[in-house]
Amino acid sequence: MTATTTAPLAGTSARATRQPSARLRAWATRAPLLPALVFMIAVTQLPFVATLVISFFDWNALYPKARHFTGVDNYRQVLTDADLRHSVWTTVLLTVAVVLVSLVLGLALALLLDRRFPGRGAVRTLLIAPFLVVPVAAALLWKHVLYNPEYGLLNGLLHYVGGPQPDWISNTPLLAVEASLVWQWTPFMMLILLAGLQSRDQQQIEAARVDGAGDWQIFVHLTLPHLRRYLELGALLGSIYIVQNFDAVFTITSGGLGTANLPYTVYQSFYQAHENGLASAAGVLVVIGSIVIATFALRVVSSLFREEVSRA
């Protein structure tokens, strides 16, 4: 009886000693990641929590002693103020226009690069280059090299053919900002869609050609359905970044002529009007919108991974 009683106790003690050692091994494997985790929390999450707290206060930096808790009044002002509503509408219009045009141009360039021709590698490198340019440098390039009414390239070409000499930024301010962003984001869309084109099932395409399908029929019935996920991914990722775009608006128009988007309005409220609470509330709304878009983007990415795994 004693031997049978001590045997289960010995087994229990052995399992108890193994469990802490397994936990220690698990923590030992995670320990190298802790500094990065602490750094990420300190750099991203703590400032966001501070911004969230400030957004509930009427806090002007010029009168720090007059700050007081106002609840959701700042959010109500952001959503009801005419200028802020206009900046939200400008943000939506800018994002939709840039994403759609970039997707169409990116798809055309991806279809071109999916074909074999001499110098394809050099052409691909040149087409990717705009995406690698620093955003402020790209905006300055468009503002001074292309748009300048006196020495800009666009007016120089028009002068050569005897055309008018418009002031591009004054006449079409929002279109000027959109064009610079389209130039910079089209290569990003091109890369995503090119990856989708190169993952097509070539046997299925060859079978369609054998059955008499033309290039347009293959594009409509095979290529576009296959690229649906990649188009969604490009649109969502592009929207995340363009919703938060500040450089082009600040550099090209300084937020004037009706081009002030929500990030620029946050900048104006914080650095010019010194309204910390109002700027924080607008910033929180931008973050919430970005999180919503990012959630859909992550779902699209996970579905792409599942499709690739099932195909393999």
Protein backbone atom coordinates (compact mmCIF):
# COMPACT_ATOMS: atom_id res chain seq x y z
CA MET A 1 0.00 0.00 0.00
CA THR A 2 2.84 2.36 0.84
CA ALA A 3 4.66 1.65 -2.42
CA THR A 4 1.55 2.29 -4.51
CA THR A 5 0.92 5.56 -2.64
CA THR A 6 4.45 6.89 -3.05
CA ALA A 7 4.57 6.13 -6.80
CA PRO A 8 1.80 8.61 -7.79
CA LEU A 9 3.33 11.19 -5.45
CA ALA A 10 6.69 10.78 -7.18
CA GLY A 11 5.07 11.18 -10.59
CA THR A 12 3.21 14.30 -9.44
CA SER A 13 6.38 15.89 -8.08
CA ALA A 14 8.22 15.10 -11.34
CA ARG A 15 5.47 16.80 -13.39
CA ALA A 16 5.52 19.77 -11.01
CA THR A 17 9.26 20.19 -11.49
CA ARG A 18 8.92 19.85 -15.26
CA GLN A 19 6.21 22.53 -15.53
CA PRO A 20 8.27 25.38 -13.99
CA SER A 21 11.24 24.42 -16.13
CA ALA A 22 9.02 24.56 -19.25
CA ARG A 23 7.75 27.97 -18.18
CA LEU A 24 11.31 29.15 -17.61
CA ARG A 25 12.33 27.96 -21.07
CA ALA A 26 9.34 29.75 -22.60
CA TRP A 27 10.24 32.98 -20.81
CA ALA A 28 13.88 32.55 -21.80
CA THR A 29 12.91 32.39 -25.48
CA ARG A 30 10.72 35.49 -25.11
CA ALA A 31 13.19 37.49 -23.02
CA PRO A 32 15.16 38.91 -26.01
CA LEU A 33 11.91 40.43 -27.30
CA LEU A 34 11.13 42.27 -24.05
CA PRO A 35 13.36 45.33 -24.73
CA ALA A 36 11.71 45.81 -28.12
CA LEU A 37 8.27 45.42 -26.52
CA VAL A 38 9.08 47.95 -23.79
CA PHE A 39 10.47 50.36 -26.38
CA MET A 40 7.37 50.00 -28.57
CA ILE A 41 5.04 50.62 -25.62
CA ALA A 42 7.06 53.64 -24.49
CA VAL A 43 7.25 55.17 -27.97
CA THR A 44 3.75 54.43 -29.31
CA GLN A 45 1.26 53.43 -26.63
CA LEU A 46 2.13 55.82 -23.80
CA PRO A 47 2.00 58.92 -26.05
CA PHE A 48 -1.34 57.74 -27.43
CA VAL A 49 -2.74 57.28 -23.90
CA ALA A 50 -1.51 60.80 -23.03
CA THR A 51 -3.15 62.16 -26.19
CA LEU A 52 -6.38 60.37 -25.31
CA VAL A 53 -6.39 61.91 -21.82
CA ILE A 54 -5.62 65.43 -23.12
CA SER A 55 -8.45 65.13 -25.65
CA PHE A 56 -10.97 65.27 -22.79
CA PHE A 57 -9.65 68.63 -21.54
CA ASP A 58 -10.09 72.22 -22.67
CA TRP A 59 -6.36 72.89 -22.71
CA ASN A 60 -4.79 75.91 -24.39
CA ALA A 61 -1.00 75.98 -24.15
CA LEU A 62 -1.06 79.77 -23.73
CA TYR A 63 -3.28 79.48 -20.64
CA PRO A 64 -2.16 76.27 -18.91
CA LYS A 65 -3.77 77.14 -15.56
CA ALA A 66 -7.19 77.51 -17.17
CA ARG A 67 -7.38 73.92 -18.37
CA HIS A 68 -10.37 71.92 -17.19
CA PHE A 69 -12.15 68.66 -17.95
CA THR A 70 -14.79 68.95 -20.69
CA GLY A 71 -15.63 65.32 -21.48
CA VAL A 72 -16.41 64.74 -25.14
CA ASP A 73 -16.87 68.43 -26.04
CA ASN A 74 -13.67 68.44 -28.10
CA TYR A 75 -14.90 65.47 -30.13
CA ARG A 76 -18.26 67.16 -30.60
CA GLN A 77 -16.51 70.29 -31.85
CA VAL A 78 -14.36 68.30 -34.26
CA LEU A 79 -17.44 66.66 -35.74
CA THR A 80 -19.63 69.80 -35.86
CA ASP A 81 -17.20 72.63 -36.66
CA ALA A 82 -17.53 73.67 -40.32
CA ASP A 83 -13.78 74.01 -40.93
CA LEU A 84 -13.01 70.68 -39.31
CA ARG A 85 -15.80 68.96 -41.24
CA HIS A 86 -14.35 70.43 -44.43
CA SER A 87 -10.92 69.04 -43.52
CA VAL A 88 -12.49 65.61 -42.97
CA TRP A 89 -14.18 65.81 -46.38
CA THR A 90 -10.91 66.93 -47.99
CA THR A 91 -9.13 63.97 -46.37
CA VAL A 92 -11.72 61.54 -47.75
CA LEU A 93 -11.63 63.11 -51.23
CA LEU A 94 -7.84 63.17 -51.31
CA THR A 95 -7.56 59.56 -50.16
CA VAL A 96 -10.18 58.17 -52.56
CA ALA A 97 -8.80 60.03 -55.58
CA VAL A 98 -5.16 59.13 -54.93
CA VAL A 99 -5.89 55.47 -54.15
CA LEU A 100 -8.13 54.89 -57.17
CA VAL A 101 -5.86 56.60 -59.69
CA SER A 102 -2.77 54.92 -58.22
CA LEU A 103 -4.46 51.52 -58.47
CA VAL A 104 -5.43 52.01 -62.11
CA LEU A 105 -1.98 53.25 -63.12
CA GLY A 106 -0.29 50.62 -60.96
CA LEU A 107 -2.34 47.88 -62.63
CA ALA A 108 -1.38 49.15 -66.10
CA LEU A 109 2.31 49.24 -65.19
CA ALA A 110 2.12 45.81 -63.53
CA LEU A 111 0.59 44.34 -66.69
CA LEU A 112 3.41 45.92 -68.69
CA LEU A 113 6.14 44.55 -66.41
CA ASP A 114 4.54 41.11 -66.38
CA ARG A 115 5.60 40.75 -70.02
CA ARG A 116 9.12 39.88 -71.08
CA PHE A 117 11.00 42.56 -73.02
CA PRO A 118 14.61 43.79 -73.18
CA GLY A 119 15.55 46.04 -70.28
CA ARG A 120 12.63 45.00 -68.09
CA GLY A 121 14.80 45.05 -64.95
CA ALA A 122 15.98 48.61 -65.59
CA VAL A 123 12.44 49.79 -66.34
CA ARG A 124 11.17 48.19 -63.13
CA THR A 125 13.90 49.92 -61.11
CA LEU A 126 13.09 53.30 -62.63
CA LEU A 127 9.36 52.85 -61.98
CA ILE A 128 9.97 51.96 -58.34
CA ALA A 129 12.19 55.03 -57.77
CA PRO A 130 9.39 57.58 -57.00
CA PHE A 131 8.24 55.49 -54.04
CA LEU A 132 11.76 55.63 -52.57
CA VAL A 133 11.96 59.44 -52.66
CA VAL A 134 11.55 61.18 -49.29
CA PRO A 135 7.95 62.57 -49.19
CA VAL A 136 9.03 66.15 -48.47
CA ALA A 137 11.60 66.00 -51.27
CA ALA A 138 8.96 64.65 -53.66
CA ALA A 139 6.57 67.47 -52.74
CA LEU A 140 9.33 70.07 -53.22
CA LEU A 141 10.17 68.51 -56.57
CA TRP A 142 6.61 68.91 -57.80
CA LYS A 143 6.21 72.38 -56.32
CA HIS A 144 9.35 73.94 -57.77
CA VAL A 145 10.49 71.78 -60.69
CA LEU A 146 7.05 71.13 -62.22
CA TYR A 147 4.46 73.58 -60.88
CA ASN A 148 6.42 76.84 -60.64
CA PRO A 149 4.74 79.32 -63.05
CA GLU A 150 8.03 81.04 -63.97
CA TYR A 151 10.57 78.25 -64.38
CA GLY A 152 8.55 75.06 -63.92
CA LEU A 153 8.81 72.22 -66.42
CA LEU A 154 5.07 72.10 -67.16
CA ASN A 155 4.87 75.76 -68.13
CA GLY A 156 8.14 75.40 -70.03
CA LEU A 157 6.59 72.69 -72.22
CA LEU A 158 3.44 74.76 -72.70
CA HIS A 159 5.52 77.80 -73.66
CA TYR A 160 7.40 75.68 -76.21
CA VAL A 161 4.12 74.79 -77.97
CA GLY A 162 2.65 78.28 -77.53
CA GLY A 163 0.19 77.34 -74.76
CA PRO A 164 -0.96 79.31 -71.70
CA GLN A 165 1.12 79.76 -68.54
CA PRO A 166 -1.19 78.82 -65.65
CA ASP A 167 -0.35 78.93 -61.98
CA TRP A 168 -0.99 75.27 -61.28
CA ILE A 169 -1.09 75.46 -57.49
CA SER A 170 -3.38 78.51 -57.38
CA ASN A 171 -5.75 77.29 -60.10
CA THR A 172 -5.99 73.60 -59.14
CA PRO A 173 -4.59 73.29 -55.59
CA LEU A 174 -6.14 69.96 -54.58
CA LEU A 175 -5.37 68.41 -57.95
CA ALA A 176 -1.76 69.56 -57.59
CA VAL A 177 -1.46 67.74 -54.25
CA GLU A 178 -3.20 64.65 -55.62
CA ALA A 179 -0.90 64.46 -58.65
CA SER A 180 2.23 64.48 -56.50
CA LEU A 181 0.82 61.74 -54.26
CA VAL A 182 -0.29 59.63 -57.24
CA TRP A 183 3.24 59.88 -58.68
CA GLN A 184 4.68 58.64 -55.41
CA TRP A 185 2.17 55.87 -54.62
CA THR A 186 1.67 54.33 -58.06
CA PRO A 187 4.91 52.26 -57.73
CA PHE A 188 3.64 50.84 -54.43
CA MET A 189 0.41 49.67 -56.06
CA MET A 190 2.41 48.37 -59.04
CA LEU A 191 4.57 46.15 -56.82
CA ILE A 192 1.58 44.63 -55.02
CA LEU A 193 -0.32 43.94 -58.24
CA LEU A 194 2.80 42.63 -60.00
CA ALA A 195 3.20 40.10 -57.19
CA GLY A 196 -0.42 39.07 -57.75
CA LEU A 197 0.09 38.71 -61.50
CA GLN A 198 3.14 36.52 -61.03
CA SER A 199 1.24 34.21 -58.67
CA ARG A 200 -1.40 33.30 -61.29
CA ASP A 201 -1.87 29.68 -62.33
CA GLN A 202 -0.20 29.59 -65.75
CA GLN A 203 -1.73 26.22 -66.59
CA GLN A 204 -5.19 27.72 -66.20
CA ILE A 205 -4.28 30.59 -68.52
CA GLU A 206 -2.83 28.22 -71.12
CA ALA A 207 -5.98 26.09 -70.95
CA ALA A 208 -8.09 29.21 -71.56
CA ARG A 209 -5.96 30.10 -74.60
CA VAL A 210 -6.36 26.58 -75.96
CA ASP A 211 -10.14 26.98 -75.61
CA GLY A 212 -9.97 30.12 -77.74
CA ALA A 213 -10.06 32.86 -75.09
CA GLY A 214 -8.47 36.16 -76.08
CA ASP A 215 -6.32 38.45 -73.96
CA TRP A 216 -9.28 40.62 -72.90
CA GLN A 217 -11.38 37.61 -71.90
CA ILE A 218 -8.48 36.18 -69.88
CA PHE A 219 -7.99 39.55 -68.18
CA VAL A 220 -11.66 39.98 -67.29
CA HIS A 221 -12.53 36.42 -66.29
CA LEU A 222 -9.22 35.13 -64.85
CA THR A 223 -6.79 37.94 -64.04
CA LEU A 224 -9.15 40.44 -62.38
CA PRO A 225 -10.83 37.87 -60.08
CA HIS A 226 -7.39 36.61 -59.08
CA LEU A 227 -6.20 40.17 -58.37
CA ARG A 228 -9.24 41.09 -56.24
CA ARG A 229 -7.45 40.42 -52.95
CA TYR A 230 -4.35 42.26 -54.12
CA LEU A 231 -6.42 45.25 -55.22
CA GLU A 232 -8.12 45.30 -51.83
CA LEU A 233 -4.77 45.07 -50.05
CA GLY A 234 -3.27 47.91 -52.10
CA ALA A 235 -6.33 50.10 -51.54
CA LEU A 236 -6.37 49.50 -47.79
CA LEU A 237 -2.63 49.97 -47.24
CA GLY A 238 -2.61 53.06 -49.44
CA SER A 239 -5.58 54.49 -47.55
CA ILE A 240 -3.84 53.99 -44.21
CA TYR A 241 -0.88 56.09 -45.29
CA ILE A 242 -2.67 58.73 -47.37
CA VAL A 243 -5.24 59.43 -44.63
CA GLN A 244 -2.28 60.44 -42.45
CA ASN A 245 -0.43 62.36 -45.18
CA PHE A 246 0.92 65.71 -44.07
CA ASP A 247 4.03 66.36 -46.13
CA ALA A 248 2.46 67.09 -49.52
CA VAL A 249 -0.26 69.39 -48.16
CA PHE A 250 2.18 71.30 -45.95
CA THR A 251 4.88 71.64 -48.62
CA ILE A 252 2.83 72.39 -51.75
CA THR A 253 -0.09 74.52 -50.50
CA SER A 254 0.55 75.03 -46.75
CA GLY A 255 -3.04 73.93 -46.20
CA GLY A 256 -4.44 76.88 -48.13
CA LEU A 257 -6.98 77.08 -50.97
CA GLY A 258 -9.18 74.39 -49.43
CA THR A 259 -6.52 71.67 -49.27
CA ALA A 260 -6.20 71.37 -45.48
CA ASN A 261 -6.78 67.74 -44.59
CA LEU A 262 -7.28 66.40 -41.08
CA PRO A 263 -3.58 65.89 -40.23
CA TYR A 264 -2.83 69.45 -41.31
CA THR A 265 -5.77 70.71 -39.25
CA VAL A 266 -4.33 68.89 -36.23
CA TYR A 267 -1.04 70.66 -36.89
CA GLN A 268 -2.79 74.04 -37.10
CA SER A 269 -4.75 73.45 -33.91
CA PHE A 270 -1.71 72.31 -31.96
CA TYR A 271 1.17 74.46 -33.20
CA GLN A 272 -0.62 77.61 -34.32
CA ALA A 273 -3.78 77.89 -32.20
CA HIS A 274 -2.14 76.01 -29.26
CA GLU A 275 -5.40 74.13 -28.64
CA ASN A 276 -3.94 70.95 -27.23
CA GLY A 277 -7.28 69.37 -26.32
CA LEU A 278 -8.92 70.01 -29.70
CA ALA A 279 -5.85 68.86 -31.62
CA SER A 280 -5.64 65.70 -29.50
CA ALA A 281 -9.31 64.88 -30.18
CA ALA A 282 -8.79 65.28 -33.94
CA GLY A 283 -5.64 63.14 -33.74
CA VAL A 284 -7.48 60.39 -31.88
CA LEU A 285 -10.14 60.34 -34.62
CA VAL A 286 -7.41 59.98 -37.26
CA VAL A 287 -5.91 57.06 -35.31
CA ILE A 288 -9.30 55.39 -34.93
CA GLY A 289 -9.94 55.70 -38.66
CA SER A 290 -6.50 54.26 -39.42
CA ILE A 291 -7.11 51.34 -37.04
CA VAL A 292 -10.43 50.54 -38.74
CA ILE A 293 -8.76 50.51 -42.16
CA ALA A 294 -5.79 48.51 -40.81
CA THR A 295 -8.16 45.88 -39.40
CA PHE A 296 -9.60 45.24 -42.85
CA ALA A 297 -6.08 45.24 -44.32
CA LEU A 298 -4.95 42.57 -41.85
CA ARG A 299 -7.96 40.43 -42.75
CA VAL A 300 -7.09 40.70 -46.43
CA VAL A 301 -3.45 39.79 -45.73
CA SER A 302 -4.48 36.77 -43.66
CA SER A 303 -6.86 35.60 -46.39
CA LEU A 304 -4.04 35.92 -48.95
CA PHE A 305 -1.79 33.80 -46.76
CA ARG A 306 -4.51 31.17 -46.38
CA GLU A 307 -5.03 31.06 -50.15
CA GLU A 308 -1.29 30.65 -50.76
CA VAL A 309 -1.06 27.87 -48.17
CA SER A 310 -4.06 26.04 -49.62
CA ARG A 311 -2.62 26.40 -53.14
CA ALA A 312 0.72 24.97 -51.99
